[in-house]
Amino acid sequence: MLINTPNGTITIRQAQETDVSAFRELRLEALQNHPEAFSSDYSLNLAKPLSEWSDRLQFQQRGYTEMIYFAISSEKLIGMTGIVMGNSPKTEHGALIWGVYVQPHWRGFHIAEGLLTACVDWARTRVVKIVKLAVVTTNTSAIRCYTRLGFKVYGVEPQALYHQETFYDELLLSLST
């Protein structure tokens, strides 16, 4: 998928095993710059060996129940998100989108929408019936993005995240596919 922006054309594509170092760098950037928006912790992820990051990108070994998408400009990763299907017969009809992140100077060009659309399309090819995600209630631009794509709020998880003596609630959203 291609997205034309005033700053150039962005490619949205599935992650490849060769992306491991750039994936680690982008994910750590997201966790460090926006700790209130992610349940994963920067320090814990920083300490992980590169082999763990590589394992995340080896989809064939997991039966393709998870996929990560990257937004790329001039061969540099500028955005990412992942999707994972339920892992039992009772939950495999659903999938969860996680880790949506676009570098600040690329925001406002609908790159997150492209990443999310790729995830939803991936889910549809696997006959997933419902895709869910969570977003902190303070992230109004992300909430607008998700609702533009048709996601609907179905609940709020109070005090879902805790960072620097502040609790953050998360909106729970879903999209029927």
C-alpha atoms as a PDB file:
ATOM      1  CA  MET A   1       0.000   0.000   0.000  1.00  0.00           C
ATOM      2  CA  LEU A   2       1.263   3.479  -0.846  1.00  0.00           C
ATOM      3  CA  ILE A   3       0.364   6.768   0.852  1.00  0.00           C
ATOM      4  CA  ASN A   4       1.292  10.015  -0.851  1.00  0.00           C
ATOM      5  CA  THR A   5       2.256  12.816   1.536  1.00  0.00           C
ATOM      6  CA  PRO A   6       3.786  16.257   1.029  1.00  0.00           C
ATOM      7  CA  ASN A   7       6.999  14.732   2.421  1.00  0.00           C
ATOM      8  CA  GLY A   8       7.074  11.866  -0.081  1.00  0.00           C
ATOM      9  CA  THR A   9       5.472   8.508  -0.702  1.00  0.00           C
ATOM     10  CA  ILE A  10       5.102   6.149   2.242  1.00  0.00           C
ATOM     11  CA  THR A  11       4.999   2.389   1.789  1.00  0.00           C
ATOM     12  CA  ILE A  12       2.994   0.205   4.178  1.00  0.00           C
ATOM     13  CA  ARG A  13       4.245  -3.370   4.213  1.00  0.00           C
ATOM     14  CA  GLN A  14       4.480  -6.473   6.340  1.00  0.00           C
ATOM     15  CA  ALA A  15       7.483  -6.796   8.586  1.00  0.00           C
ATOM     16  CA  GLN A  16      10.398  -8.880   7.424  1.00  0.00           C
ATOM     17  CA  GLU A  17      13.000 -10.652   9.533  1.00  0.00           C
ATOM     18  CA  THR A  18      15.641  -8.248   8.208  1.00  0.00           C
ATOM     19  CA  ASP A  19      13.775  -5.361   9.914  1.00  0.00           C
ATOM     20  CA  VAL A  20      14.804  -6.504  13.379  1.00  0.00           C
ATOM     21  CA  SER A  21      17.239  -3.704  14.306  1.00  0.00           C
ATOM     22  CA  ALA A  22      15.058  -0.940  12.872  1.00  0.00           C
ATOM     23  CA  PHE A  23      11.987  -2.484  14.551  1.00  0.00           C
ATOM     24  CA  ARG A  24      13.744  -2.487  17.911  1.00  0.00           C
ATOM     25  CA  GLU A  25      14.813   1.135  17.452  1.00  0.00           C
ATOM     26  CA  LEU A  26      11.329   2.332  16.441  1.00  0.00           C
ATOM     27  CA  ARG A  27       9.553   0.422  19.208  1.00  0.00           C
ATOM     28  CA  LEU A  28      11.977   1.716  21.851  1.00  0.00           C
ATOM     29  CA  GLU A  29      11.451   5.253  20.527  1.00  0.00           C
ATOM     30  CA  ALA A  30       7.688   4.857  20.943  1.00  0.00           C
ATOM     31  CA  LEU A  31       7.995   3.457  24.461  1.00  0.00           C
ATOM     32  CA  GLN A  32      10.466   6.126  25.557  1.00  0.00           C
ATOM     33  CA  ASN A  33       8.665   9.122  24.040  1.00  0.00           C
ATOM     34  CA  HIS A  34       5.109   8.087  24.962  1.00  0.00           C
ATOM     35  CA  PRO A  35       5.288   5.880  28.069  1.00  0.00           C
ATOM     36  CA  GLU A  36       1.717   6.783  29.015  1.00  0.00           C
ATOM     37  CA  ALA A  37       0.370   5.332  25.765  1.00  0.00           C
ATOM     38  CA  PHE A  38       1.801   1.800  25.910  1.00  0.00           C
ATOM     39  CA  SER A  39       1.529  -0.973  28.470  1.00  0.00           C
ATOM     40  CA  SER A  40       5.025  -2.183  27.553  1.00  0.00           C
ATOM     41  CA  ASP A  41       7.878  -0.653  29.524  1.00  0.00           C
ATOM     42  CA  TYR A  42      10.875   1.029  27.877  1.00  0.00           C
ATOM     43  CA  SER A  43      13.500  -0.248  30.351  1.00  0.00           C
ATOM     44  CA  LEU A  44      12.317  -3.844  30.143  1.00  0.00           C
ATOM     45  CA  ASN A  45      12.284  -3.752  26.349  1.00  0.00           C
ATOM     46  CA  LEU A  46      15.674  -2.049  26.173  1.00  0.00           C
ATOM     47  CA  ALA A  47      17.151  -4.943  28.151  1.00  0.00           C
ATOM     48  CA  LYS A  48      15.805  -7.624  25.776  1.00  0.00           C
ATOM     49  CA  PRO A  49      18.425  -9.268  23.575  1.00  0.00           C
ATOM     50  CA  LEU A  50      18.139  -8.791  19.827  1.00  0.00           C
ATOM     51  CA  SER A  51      17.122 -12.458  19.535  1.00  0.00           C
ATOM     52  CA  GLU A  52      13.809 -11.701  21.295  1.00  0.00           C
ATOM     53  CA  TRP A  53      13.123  -8.902  18.817  1.00  0.00           C
ATOM     54  CA  SER A  54      13.978 -11.267  15.989  1.00  0.00           C
ATOM     55  CA  ASP A  55      11.580 -13.878  17.378  1.00  0.00           C
ATOM     56  CA  ARG A  56       8.744 -11.335  17.133  1.00  0.00           C
ATOM     57  CA  LEU A  57       9.317 -11.111  13.380  1.00  0.00           C
ATOM     58  CA  GLN A  58       9.352 -14.850  12.688  1.00  0.00           C
ATOM     59  CA  PHE A  59       5.684 -15.231  11.822  1.00  0.00           C
ATOM     60  CA  GLN A  60       5.899 -18.597  10.074  1.00  0.00           C
ATOM     61  CA  GLN A  61       6.908 -20.264  13.325  1.00  0.00           C
ATOM     62  CA  ARG A  62       3.705 -18.987  14.933  1.00  0.00           C
ATOM     63  CA  GLY A  63       1.411 -20.134  12.152  1.00  0.00           C
ATOM     64  CA  TYR A  64       0.746 -16.574  10.955  1.00  0.00           C
ATOM     65  CA  THR A  65      -1.493 -15.700  13.898  1.00  0.00           C
ATOM     66  CA  GLU A  66       0.294 -12.381  14.261  1.00  0.00           C
ATOM     67  CA  MET A  67       1.541  -9.748  11.845  1.00  0.00           C
ATOM     68  CA  ILE A  68       3.432  -6.477  12.198  1.00  0.00           C
ATOM     69  CA  TYR A  69       3.182  -3.704   9.631  1.00  0.00           C
ATOM     70  CA  PHE A  70       5.644  -0.905   9.025  1.00  0.00           C
ATOM     71  CA  ALA A  71       5.328   2.468   7.354  1.00  0.00           C
ATOM     72  CA  ILE A  72       8.495   3.211   5.402  1.00  0.00           C
ATOM     73  CA  SER A  73       9.952   6.395   3.936  1.00  0.00           C
ATOM     74  CA  SER A  74      13.211   6.204   1.983  1.00  0.00           C
ATOM     75  CA  GLU A  75      13.880   2.716   3.414  1.00  0.00           C
ATOM     76  CA  LYS A  76      13.518   4.001   7.007  1.00  0.00           C
ATOM     77  CA  LEU A  77      10.821   2.747   9.390  1.00  0.00           C
ATOM     78  CA  ILE A  78       8.648   5.687  10.454  1.00  0.00           C
ATOM     79  CA  GLY A  79       5.580   3.904  11.824  1.00  0.00           C
ATOM     80  CA  MET A  80       4.351   0.541  12.980  1.00  0.00           C
ATOM     81  CA  THR A  81       1.543  -1.502  14.429  1.00  0.00           C
ATOM     82  CA  GLY A  82       0.802  -5.154  15.042  1.00  0.00           C
ATOM     83  CA  ILE A  83      -2.183  -7.444  15.118  1.00  0.00           C
ATOM     84  CA  VAL A  84      -2.567 -10.791  16.842  1.00  0.00           C
ATOM     85  CA  MET A  85      -5.415 -13.285  16.598  1.00  0.00           C
ATOM     86  CA  GLY A  86      -6.939 -15.083  19.542  1.00  0.00           C
ATOM     87  CA  ASN A  87      -5.001 -18.275  20.270  1.00  0.00           C
ATOM     88  CA  SER A  88      -7.739 -20.741  21.120  1.00  0.00           C
ATOM     89  CA  PRO A  89     -10.791 -22.083  19.293  1.00  0.00           C
ATOM     90  CA  LYS A  90     -12.938 -19.880  21.559  1.00  0.00           C
ATOM     91  CA  THR A  91     -11.070 -16.659  20.741  1.00  0.00           C
ATOM     92  CA  GLU A  92      -9.638 -17.117  17.240  1.00  0.00           C
ATOM     93  CA  HIS A  93     -12.590 -15.208  15.767  1.00  0.00           C
ATOM     94  CA  GLY A  94     -11.087 -12.030  17.244  1.00  0.00           C
ATOM     95  CA  ALA A  95      -7.874 -10.096  16.899  1.00  0.00           C
ATOM     96  CA  LEU A  96      -6.166  -7.327  18.842  1.00  0.00           C
ATOM     97  CA  ILE A  97      -4.294  -4.404  17.308  1.00  0.00           C
ATOM     98  CA  TRP A  98      -1.356  -3.247  19.418  1.00  0.00           C
ATOM     99  CA  GLY A  99       1.539  -0.801  19.354  1.00  0.00           C
ATOM    100  CA  VAL A 100       0.269   1.842  16.930  1.00  0.00           C
ATOM    101  CA  TYR A 101       3.022   4.429  16.511  1.00  0.00           C
ATOM    102  CA  VAL A 102       4.004   7.017  13.902  1.00  0.00           C
ATOM    103  CA  GLN A 103       6.997   9.291  14.383  1.00  0.00           C
ATOM    104  CA  PRO A 104       5.888  12.817  15.338  1.00  0.00           C
ATOM    105  CA  HIS A 105       7.002  14.602  12.154  1.00  0.00           C
ATOM    106  CA  TRP A 106       4.983  12.099  10.060  1.00  0.00           C
ATOM    107  CA  ARG A 107       1.716  12.505  11.954  1.00  0.00           C
ATOM    108  CA  GLY A 108      -1.254  14.106  10.251  1.00  0.00           C
ATOM    109  CA  PHE A 109      -0.678  12.346   6.909  1.00  0.00           C
ATOM    110  CA  HIS A 110      -3.043   9.379   7.582  1.00  0.00           C
ATOM    111  CA  ILE A 111      -0.159   6.944   7.964  1.00  0.00           C
ATOM    112  CA  ALA A 112      -1.717   5.376  11.065  1.00  0.00           C
ATOM    113  CA  GLU A 113      -4.895   4.848   9.060  1.00  0.00           C
ATOM    114  CA  GLY A 114      -2.864   3.011   6.430  1.00  0.00           C
ATOM    115  CA  LEU A 115      -1.244   0.803   9.056  1.00  0.00           C
ATOM    116  CA  LEU A 116      -4.603   0.044  10.678  1.00  0.00           C
ATOM    117  CA  THR A 117      -6.237  -0.681   7.330  1.00  0.00           C
ATOM    118  CA  ALA A 118      -3.477  -3.188   6.567  1.00  0.00           C
ATOM    119  CA  CYS A 119      -4.166  -4.912   9.904  1.00  0.00           C
ATOM    120  CA  VAL A 120      -7.921  -5.029   9.319  1.00  0.00           C
ATOM    121  CA  ASP A 121      -7.417  -6.389   5.796  1.00  0.00           C
ATOM    122  CA  TRP A 122      -5.068  -9.044   7.200  1.00  0.00           C
ATOM    123  CA  ALA A 123      -7.720 -10.008   9.758  1.00  0.00           C
ATOM    124  CA  ARG A 124     -10.431 -10.237   7.105  1.00  0.00           C
ATOM    125  CA  THR A 125      -8.360 -12.701   5.047  1.00  0.00           C
ATOM    126  CA  ARG A 126      -8.226 -14.901   8.153  1.00  0.00           C
ATOM    127  CA  VAL A 127     -12.003 -14.685   8.677  1.00  0.00           C
ATOM    128  CA  VAL A 128     -11.611 -12.724  11.899  1.00  0.00           C
ATOM    129  CA  LYS A 129     -15.021 -11.404  12.963  1.00  0.00           C
ATOM    130  CA  ILE A 130     -13.973  -8.624  15.325  1.00  0.00           C
ATOM    131  CA  VAL A 131     -10.865  -6.496  15.736  1.00  0.00           C
ATOM    132  CA  LYS A 132     -10.256  -4.693  19.024  1.00  0.00           C
ATOM    133  CA  LEU A 133      -7.821  -2.115  20.311  1.00  0.00           C
ATOM    134  CA  ALA A 134      -7.304   0.081  23.358  1.00  0.00           C
ATOM    135  CA  VAL A 135      -6.154   3.685  23.535  1.00  0.00           C
ATOM    136  CA  VAL A 136      -5.549   6.007  26.473  1.00  0.00           C
ATOM    137  CA  THR A 137      -8.385   8.477  26.806  1.00  0.00           C
ATOM    138  CA  THR A 138      -5.965  11.409  26.595  1.00  0.00           C
ATOM    139  CA  ASN A 139      -4.863  10.487  23.055  1.00  0.00           C
ATOM    140  CA  THR A 140      -7.613  12.359  21.229  1.00  0.00           C
ATOM    141  CA  SER A 141      -5.913  12.359  17.812  1.00  0.00           C
ATOM    142  CA  ALA A 142      -5.619   8.552  17.885  1.00  0.00           C
ATOM    143  CA  ILE A 143      -9.247   8.242  18.993  1.00  0.00           C
ATOM    144  CA  ARG A 144     -10.318  10.397  16.023  1.00  0.00           C
ATOM    145  CA  CYS A 145      -8.251   8.207  13.698  1.00  0.00           C
ATOM    146  CA  TYR A 146      -9.810   4.998  14.998  1.00  0.00           C
ATOM    147  CA  THR A 147     -13.361   6.296  14.825  1.00  0.00           C
ATOM    148  CA  ARG A 148     -12.781   7.567  11.251  1.00  0.00           C
ATOM    149  CA  LEU A 149     -11.985   3.967  10.356  1.00  0.00           C
ATOM    150  CA  GLY A 150     -15.239   2.755  11.907  1.00  0.00           C
ATOM    151  CA  PHE A 151     -14.055   1.565  15.311  1.00  0.00           C
ATOM    152  CA  LYS A 152     -16.709   1.976  18.007  1.00  0.00           C
ATOM    153  CA  VAL A 153     -16.185   2.468  21.729  1.00  0.00           C
ATOM    154  CA  TYR A 154     -17.537  -0.454  23.732  1.00  0.00           C
ATOM    155  CA  GLY A 155     -16.107   0.362  27.131  1.00  0.00           C
ATOM    156  CA  VAL A 156     -13.539   2.019  29.328  1.00  0.00           C
ATOM    157  CA  GLU A 157     -10.888   0.283  31.374  1.00  0.00           C
ATOM    158  CA  PRO A 158     -10.305   2.513  34.381  1.00  0.00           C
ATOM    159  CA  GLN A 159      -6.726   2.945  35.575  1.00  0.00           C
ATOM    160  CA  ALA A 160      -5.431   0.663  32.824  1.00  0.00           C
ATOM    161  CA  LEU A 161      -1.945   2.174  32.906  1.00  0.00           C
ATOM    162  CA  TYR A 162       0.137   3.786  35.631  1.00  0.00           C
ATOM    163  CA  HIS A 163       3.099   5.996  34.850  1.00  0.00           C
ATOM    164  CA  GLN A 164       4.886   8.601  36.983  1.00  0.00           C
ATOM    165  CA  GLU A 165       2.228   8.644  39.687  1.00  0.00           C
ATOM    166  CA  THR A 166      -0.615   9.086  37.192  1.00  0.00           C
ATOM    167  CA  PHE A 167      -3.294   6.590  36.233  1.00  0.00           C
ATOM    168  CA  TYR A 168      -4.557   6.490  32.655  1.00  0.00           C
ATOM    169  CA  ASP A 169      -7.921   5.115  31.576  1.00  0.00           C
ATOM    170  CA  GLU A 170      -8.178   3.325  28.233  1.00  0.00           C
ATOM    171  CA  LEU A 171     -11.036   3.405  25.753  1.00  0.00           C
ATOM    172  CA  LEU A 172     -11.813  -0.031  24.374  1.00  0.00           C
ATOM    173  CA  LEU A 173     -12.802   0.012  20.710  1.00  0.00           C
ATOM    174  CA  SER A 174     -13.886  -2.651  18.249  1.00  0.00           C
ATOM    175  CA  LEU A 175     -14.601  -3.047  14.565  1.00  0.00           C
ATOM    176  CA  SER A 176     -16.723  -5.819  13.120  1.00  0.00           C
ATOM    177  CA  THR A 177     -15.140  -7.196   9.997  1.00  0.00           C
END
